[in-house]
Amino acid sequence: KVKFTTKIYHPNVDENGRVCLPIISNENWKPCTKTCQVLEALNMLVNKPNLGEPLRVELADLLTQNPELFRKNAEEFTLQFGVDRPK
């Protein structure tokens, strides 16, 4: 399973950091799946949300109906909850 430890404002990540990532779902998982494939899928999902299967419907709806407000809220959320990268 994949989980964000820092809060993220994203339709495919729930309030506890759990991610809706098809490549790691029970029906799609294969023992030969590589870590790099999971990370690539996660990177793609973060940058291009899957609005067809959101964990947070209200965020998916906002992104669809008012992308500018969604991005503004996401920026404010990041400033409030984001953490610096370790050095």
N, C-alpha and C. Protein backbone atom coordinates (compact mmCIF):
# COMPACT_ATOMS: atom_id res chain seq x y z
N LYS A 1 0.83 -1.18 0.00
CA LYS A 1 0.00 0.00 0.00
C LYS A 1 0.87 1.24 0.00
N VAL A 2 0.31 2.35 -0.46
CA VAL A 2 1.01 3.62 -0.52
C VAL A 2 0.25 4.62 0.33
N LYS A 3 1.00 5.40 1.10
CA LYS A 3 0.36 6.39 1.97
C LYS A 3 1.24 7.63 2.07
N PHE A 4 0.61 8.80 1.95
CA PHE A 4 1.31 10.06 2.17
C PHE A 4 1.35 10.34 3.67
N THR A 5 2.49 10.73 4.18
CA THR A 5 2.57 11.10 5.60
C THR A 5 2.30 12.59 5.79
N THR A 6 2.50 13.38 4.75
CA THR A 6 2.16 14.80 4.76
C THR A 6 0.80 14.95 4.09
N LYS A 7 -0.07 15.75 4.69
CA LYS A 7 -1.40 15.95 4.11
C LYS A 7 -1.28 16.51 2.70
N ILE A 8 -2.16 16.05 1.82
CA ILE A 8 -2.16 16.50 0.44
C ILE A 8 -3.60 16.77 0.00
N TYR A 9 -3.78 17.87 -0.72
CA TYR A 9 -5.09 18.29 -1.23
C TYR A 9 -5.25 17.66 -2.60
N HIS A 10 -5.84 16.48 -2.65
CA HIS A 10 -5.89 15.73 -3.90
C HIS A 10 -7.12 14.82 -3.91
N PRO A 11 -7.84 14.75 -5.03
CA PRO A 11 -9.05 13.94 -5.07
C PRO A 11 -8.82 12.44 -4.91
N ASN A 12 -7.61 11.96 -5.19
CA ASN A 12 -7.34 10.53 -5.10
C ASN A 12 -6.56 10.14 -3.85
N VAL A 13 -6.47 11.07 -2.89
CA VAL A 13 -5.80 10.80 -1.62
C VAL A 13 -6.76 11.19 -0.51
N ASP A 14 -7.06 10.24 0.39
CA ASP A 14 -8.02 10.58 1.45
C ASP A 14 -7.35 11.38 2.57
N GLU A 15 -8.15 11.76 3.56
CA GLU A 15 -7.67 12.62 4.65
C GLU A 15 -6.59 11.95 5.49
N ASN A 16 -6.50 10.62 5.42
CA ASN A 16 -5.48 9.88 6.17
C ASN A 16 -4.25 9.57 5.33
N GLY A 17 -4.21 10.08 4.10
CA GLY A 17 -3.04 9.89 3.25
C GLY A 17 -3.08 8.65 2.38
N ARG A 18 -4.15 7.86 2.48
CA ARG A 18 -4.25 6.66 1.65
C ARG A 18 -4.54 7.06 0.21
N VAL A 19 -3.93 6.32 -0.72
CA VAL A 19 -3.99 6.66 -2.14
C VAL A 19 -4.82 5.63 -2.90
N CYS A 20 -5.66 6.11 -3.80
CA CYS A 20 -6.39 5.24 -4.72
C CYS A 20 -5.51 5.08 -5.96
N LEU A 21 -4.73 4.01 -5.99
CA LEU A 21 -3.76 3.79 -7.06
C LEU A 21 -4.03 2.42 -7.69
N PRO A 22 -4.62 2.39 -8.87
CA PRO A 22 -5.04 1.11 -9.47
C PRO A 22 -3.94 0.06 -9.57
N ILE A 23 -2.70 0.45 -9.81
CA ILE A 23 -1.63 -0.53 -10.00
C ILE A 23 -1.41 -1.39 -8.75
N ILE A 24 -1.78 -0.88 -7.58
CA ILE A 24 -1.57 -1.65 -6.35
C ILE A 24 -2.88 -2.20 -5.77
N SER A 25 -3.97 -2.07 -6.50
CA SER A 25 -5.24 -2.63 -6.03
C SER A 25 -5.17 -4.16 -6.08
N ASN A 26 -6.00 -4.81 -5.28
CA ASN A 26 -6.01 -6.27 -5.23
C ASN A 26 -6.23 -6.90 -6.59
N GLU A 27 -7.13 -6.34 -7.38
CA GLU A 27 -7.44 -6.94 -8.68
C GLU A 27 -6.36 -6.71 -9.73
N ASN A 28 -5.50 -5.71 -9.55
CA ASN A 28 -4.45 -5.42 -10.54
C ASN A 28 -3.05 -5.83 -10.10
N TRP A 29 -2.86 -6.10 -8.82
CA TRP A 29 -1.51 -6.38 -8.31
C TRP A 29 -0.95 -7.65 -8.91
N LYS A 30 0.33 -7.57 -9.28
CA LYS A 30 1.07 -8.73 -9.78
C LYS A 30 2.38 -8.81 -9.00
N PRO A 31 2.82 -9.99 -8.65
CA PRO A 31 4.08 -10.12 -7.91
C PRO A 31 5.27 -9.54 -8.67
N CYS A 32 5.17 -9.45 -9.98
CA CYS A 32 6.29 -8.92 -10.77
C CYS A 32 6.26 -7.39 -10.88
N THR A 33 5.28 -6.74 -10.26
CA THR A 33 5.21 -5.28 -10.30
C THR A 33 6.43 -4.70 -9.60
N LYS A 34 7.10 -3.78 -10.26
CA LYS A 34 8.32 -3.19 -9.71
C LYS A 34 8.01 -1.90 -8.96
N THR A 35 8.85 -1.61 -7.99
CA THR A 35 8.69 -0.39 -7.21
C THR A 35 8.69 0.84 -8.11
N CYS A 36 9.56 0.85 -9.11
CA CYS A 36 9.62 2.01 -10.01
C CYS A 36 8.31 2.19 -10.77
N GLN A 37 7.61 1.10 -11.08
CA GLN A 37 6.32 1.21 -11.76
C GLN A 37 5.27 1.84 -10.83
N VAL A 38 5.31 1.46 -9.56
CA VAL A 38 4.38 2.03 -8.58
C VAL A 38 4.67 3.52 -8.42
N LEU A 39 5.94 3.88 -8.32
CA LEU A 39 6.31 5.29 -8.16
C LEU A 39 5.95 6.11 -9.40
N GLU A 40 6.13 5.55 -10.57
CA GLU A 40 5.74 6.24 -11.80
C GLU A 40 4.23 6.46 -11.85
N ALA A 41 3.47 5.44 -11.46
CA ALA A 41 2.01 5.56 -11.44
C ALA A 41 1.57 6.61 -10.43
N LEU A 42 2.24 6.63 -9.27
CA LEU A 42 1.92 7.63 -8.25
C LEU A 42 2.23 9.04 -8.75
N ASN A 43 3.37 9.21 -9.39
CA ASN A 43 3.74 10.51 -9.95
C ASN A 43 2.71 10.97 -10.98
N MET A 44 2.29 10.06 -11.84
CA MET A 44 1.29 10.41 -12.85
C MET A 44 -0.03 10.80 -12.19
N LEU A 45 -0.43 10.06 -11.16
CA LEU A 45 -1.70 10.34 -10.49
C LEU A 45 -1.67 11.69 -9.78
N VAL A 46 -0.55 12.00 -9.14
CA VAL A 46 -0.43 13.28 -8.44
C VAL A 46 -0.56 14.43 -9.44
N ASN A 47 0.06 14.28 -10.59
CA ASN A 47 0.06 15.35 -11.59
C ASN A 47 -1.20 15.38 -12.46
N LYS A 48 -1.86 14.25 -12.59
CA LYS A 48 -3.09 14.18 -13.39
C LYS A 48 -4.09 13.30 -12.64
N PRO A 49 -4.88 13.91 -11.76
CA PRO A 49 -5.83 13.14 -10.94
C PRO A 49 -6.80 12.32 -11.79
N ASN A 50 -7.17 11.16 -11.24
CA ASN A 50 -8.18 10.30 -11.85
C ASN A 50 -9.53 10.72 -11.28
N LEU A 51 -10.24 11.55 -12.01
CA LEU A 51 -11.51 12.08 -11.52
C LEU A 51 -12.65 11.08 -11.62
N GLY A 52 -12.41 9.96 -12.29
CA GLY A 52 -13.42 8.92 -12.41
C GLY A 52 -13.53 8.04 -11.18
N GLU A 53 -12.48 8.01 -10.35
CA GLU A 53 -12.48 7.18 -9.14
C GLU A 53 -11.90 7.96 -7.96
N PRO A 54 -12.52 9.07 -7.58
CA PRO A 54 -11.96 9.87 -6.49
C PRO A 54 -12.26 9.27 -5.12
N LEU A 55 -11.36 9.48 -4.19
CA LEU A 55 -11.62 9.16 -2.79
C LEU A 55 -12.30 10.34 -2.11
N ARG A 56 -12.06 11.53 -2.65
CA ARG A 56 -12.65 12.76 -2.11
C ARG A 56 -13.45 13.41 -3.23
N VAL A 57 -14.71 13.03 -3.30
CA VAL A 57 -15.59 13.46 -4.39
C VAL A 57 -15.70 14.98 -4.44
N GLU A 58 -15.73 15.62 -3.28
CA GLU A 58 -15.88 17.08 -3.26
C GLU A 58 -14.69 17.77 -3.94
N LEU A 59 -13.49 17.21 -3.81
CA LEU A 59 -12.33 17.80 -4.48
C LEU A 59 -12.36 17.52 -5.97
N ALA A 60 -12.80 16.34 -6.36
CA ALA A 60 -12.93 16.02 -7.79
C ALA A 60 -13.96 16.94 -8.44
N ASP A 61 -15.07 17.16 -7.74
CA ASP A 61 -16.10 18.05 -8.28
C ASP A 61 -15.57 19.48 -8.42
N LEU A 62 -14.85 19.95 -7.41
CA LEU A 62 -14.30 21.30 -7.47
C LEU A 62 -13.29 21.43 -8.60
N LEU A 63 -12.43 20.44 -8.76
CA LEU A 63 -11.44 20.48 -9.84
C LEU A 63 -12.12 20.51 -11.20
N THR A 64 -13.21 19.79 -11.34
CA THR A 64 -13.96 19.76 -12.60
C THR A 64 -14.69 21.07 -12.85
N GLN A 65 -15.34 21.58 -11.81
CA GLN A 65 -16.21 22.75 -11.98
C GLN A 65 -15.48 24.08 -11.89
N ASN A 66 -14.41 24.13 -11.08
CA ASN A 66 -13.70 25.39 -10.88
C ASN A 66 -12.21 25.11 -10.64
N PRO A 67 -11.48 24.76 -11.70
CA PRO A 67 -10.07 24.40 -11.55
C PRO A 67 -9.21 25.49 -10.92
N GLU A 68 -9.54 26.74 -11.21
CA GLU A 68 -8.76 27.85 -10.65
C GLU A 68 -8.90 27.89 -9.12
N LEU A 69 -10.11 27.73 -8.62
CA LEU A 69 -10.32 27.71 -7.17
C LEU A 69 -9.68 26.48 -6.54
N PHE A 70 -9.75 25.34 -7.24
CA PHE A 70 -9.10 24.13 -6.74
C PHE A 70 -7.60 24.37 -6.55
N ARG A 71 -6.96 24.94 -7.57
CA ARG A 71 -5.51 25.20 -7.50
C ARG A 71 -5.17 26.20 -6.39
N LYS A 72 -6.01 27.21 -6.23
CA LYS A 72 -5.80 28.19 -5.16
C LYS A 72 -5.89 27.50 -3.80
N ASN A 73 -6.91 26.68 -3.61
CA ASN A 73 -7.07 25.94 -2.36
C ASN A 73 -5.90 24.99 -2.13
N ALA A 74 -5.44 24.34 -3.19
CA ALA A 74 -4.32 23.40 -3.07
C ALA A 74 -3.05 24.14 -2.65
N GLU A 75 -2.82 25.32 -3.21
CA GLU A 75 -1.65 26.12 -2.82
C GLU A 75 -1.72 26.52 -1.36
N GLU A 76 -2.89 26.98 -0.92
CA GLU A 76 -3.06 27.37 0.49
C GLU A 76 -2.88 26.17 1.42
N PHE A 77 -3.41 25.03 1.01
CA PHE A 77 -3.29 23.79 1.79
C PHE A 77 -1.82 23.40 1.92
N THR A 78 -1.07 23.53 0.82
CA THR A 78 0.35 23.19 0.82
C THR A 78 1.12 24.12 1.75
N LEU A 79 0.82 25.40 1.71
CA LEU A 79 1.49 26.35 2.61
C LEU A 79 1.18 26.03 4.07
N GLN A 80 -0.03 25.58 4.34
CA GLN A 80 -0.44 25.29 5.71
C GLN A 80 0.13 23.96 6.22
N PHE A 81 0.13 22.94 5.39
CA PHE A 81 0.48 21.60 5.86
C PHE A 81 1.79 21.04 5.29
N GLY A 82 2.35 21.69 4.27
CA GLY A 82 3.57 21.18 3.67
C GLY A 82 4.75 21.24 4.64
N VAL A 83 5.70 20.37 4.42
CA VAL A 83 6.90 20.35 5.25
C VAL A 83 8.12 20.48 4.34
N ASP A 84 9.18 21.03 4.90
CA ASP A 84 10.42 21.18 4.14
C ASP A 84 11.03 19.81 3.88
N ARG A 85 11.72 19.70 2.77
CA ARG A 85 12.44 18.47 2.47
C ARG A 85 13.62 18.33 3.42
N PRO A 86 13.93 17.11 3.82
CA PRO A 86 15.12 16.92 4.67
C PRO A 86 16.38 17.31 3.90
N LYS A 87 17.35 17.82 4.62
CA LYS A 87 18.60 18.24 3.97
C LYS A 87 19.66 17.19 4.12
